[in-house]
Structure formats: structure tokens, C-alpha cells
C-alpha atoms as a PDB file:
ATOM      1  CA  UNK A   1      -9.787  19.049  22.435  1.00  0.00           C
ATOM      2  CA  UNK A   2      -8.686  15.452  22.823  1.00  0.00           C
ATOM      3  CA  UNK A   3      -9.644  13.020  20.072  1.00  0.00           C
ATOM      4  CA  UNK A   4      -9.206   9.295  20.414  1.00  0.00           C
ATOM      5  CA  UNK A   5      -7.805   7.311  17.534  1.00  0.00           C
ATOM      6  CA  UNK A   6      -9.918   4.670  15.755  1.00  0.00           C
ATOM      7  CA  UNK A   7      -7.929   1.583  16.651  1.00  0.00           C
ATOM      8  CA  UNK A   8      -9.411  -0.655  13.965  1.00  0.00           C
ATOM      9  CA  UNK A   9      -8.121   1.845  11.363  1.00  0.00           C
ATOM     10  CA  UNK A  10      -4.883   2.950  12.886  1.00  0.00           C
ATOM     11  CA  UNK A  11      -3.217  -0.299  14.098  1.00  0.00           C
ATOM     12  CA  UNK A  12      -3.456  -2.472  10.967  1.00  0.00           C
ATOM     13  CA  UNK A  13      -2.226   0.399   8.807  1.00  0.00           C
ATOM     14  CA  UNK A  14       0.580   1.214  11.243  1.00  0.00           C
ATOM     15  CA  UNK A  15       1.678  -2.422  11.398  1.00  0.00           C
ATOM     16  CA  UNK A  16       1.763  -2.703   7.583  1.00  0.00           C
ATOM     17  CA  UNK A  17       3.926   0.444   7.503  1.00  0.00           C
ATOM     18  CA  UNK A  18       6.343  -0.863  10.121  1.00  0.00           C
ATOM     19  CA  UNK A  19       6.526  -4.216   8.312  1.00  0.00           C
ATOM     20  CA  UNK A  20       7.359  -2.424   5.042  1.00  0.00           C
ATOM     21  CA  UNK A  21      10.045  -0.331   6.719  1.00  0.00           C
ATOM     22  CA  UNK A  22      11.626  -3.421   8.344  1.00  0.00           C
ATOM     23  CA  UNK A  23      11.480  -5.388   5.101  1.00  0.00           C
ATOM     24  CA  UNK A  24      13.126  -2.608   3.174  1.00  0.00           C
ATOM     25  CA  UNK A  25      15.844  -2.238   5.761  1.00  0.00           C
ATOM     26  CA  UNK A  26      16.531  -5.958   5.811  1.00  0.00           C
ATOM     27  CA  UNK A  27      16.654  -6.619   2.025  1.00  0.00           C
ATOM     28  CA  UNK A  28      16.042  -3.619  -0.193  1.00  0.00           C
ATOM     29  CA  UNK A  29      16.384  -5.461  -3.487  1.00  0.00           C
ATOM     30  CA  UNK A  30      13.808  -8.140  -2.482  1.00  0.00           C
ATOM     31  CA  UNK A  31      11.447  -5.474  -1.160  1.00  0.00           C
ATOM     32  CA  UNK A  32      11.734  -3.437  -4.336  1.00  0.00           C
ATOM     33  CA  UNK A  33      11.175  -6.606  -6.434  1.00  0.00           C
ATOM     34  CA  UNK A  34       8.081  -7.508  -4.409  1.00  0.00           C
ATOM     35  CA  UNK A  35       6.546  -4.044  -4.488  1.00  0.00           C
ATOM     36  CA  UNK A  36       7.275  -3.700  -8.206  1.00  0.00           C
ATOM     37  CA  UNK A  37       5.611  -7.039  -8.901  1.00  0.00           C
ATOM     38  CA  UNK A  38       2.553  -6.067  -6.787  1.00  0.00           C
ATOM     39  CA  UNK A  39       2.318  -2.715  -8.604  1.00  0.00           C
ATOM     40  CA  UNK A  40       2.438  -4.469 -11.956  1.00  0.00           C
ATOM     41  CA  UNK A  41      -0.192  -6.986 -10.884  1.00  0.00           C
ATOM     42  CA  UNK A  42      -2.539  -4.197  -9.744  1.00  0.00           C
ATOM     43  CA  UNK A  43      -2.059  -2.155 -12.930  1.00  0.00           C
ATOM     44  CA  UNK A  44      -2.421  -5.187 -15.208  1.00  0.00           C
ATOM     45  CA  UNK A  45      -5.713  -6.160 -13.574  1.00  0.00           C
ATOM     46  CA  UNK A  46      -7.245  -2.839 -12.624  1.00  0.00           C
ATOM     47  CA  UNK A  47      -5.936  -0.258 -15.180  1.00  0.00           C
ATOM     48  CA  UNK A  48      -9.435  -0.149 -16.705  1.00  0.00           C
ATOM     49  CA  UNK A  49     -10.909   0.771 -13.340  1.00  0.00           C
ATOM     50  CA  UNK A  50      -8.427   3.630 -12.910  1.00  0.00           C
ATOM     51  CA  UNK A  51      -9.310   4.928 -16.321  1.00  0.00           C
ATOM     52  CA  UNK A  52     -13.055   4.653 -15.598  1.00  0.00           C
ATOM     53  CA  UNK A  53     -12.618   6.542 -12.331  1.00  0.00           C
ATOM     54  CA  UNK A  54     -10.719   9.348 -14.026  1.00  0.00           C
ATOM     55  CA  UNK A  55     -13.329   9.536 -16.756  1.00  0.00           C
ATOM     56  CA  UNK A  56     -16.197   9.797 -14.222  1.00  0.00           C
ATOM     57  CA  UNK A  57     -14.499  12.388 -12.113  1.00  0.00           C
END
């Protein structure tokens, strides 16, 4: 059985992944700093939402 991929879902995600791999290969320290800052930003602003989702489920 042949299944076609959903291009609107696959390609943006694939390109973000490739960009992350290239960025980490070019400058690992800057990449780690940026991803750590993004993770902190998300947790600072949405920790309540994660807690709510866990409580509901």
C-alpha cells in the first residue's frame, strides 16, 4: 500500500529539523544558548498550562 505524505505537514517540520541540525553543527554553544533561552521562555509563560493539562488528564 502506497501512502503519500502530507506536504504541508512534512516539509516545514523537516526544514526546521534540518535548520536545527545545521545550526548545532555550525555553533553548538550558540545553539544550546538559544534553545535553553527558548525553553525557559516557554516554561516561564506556560507552566500553568502544562500543570492544568496534567491535572485534567
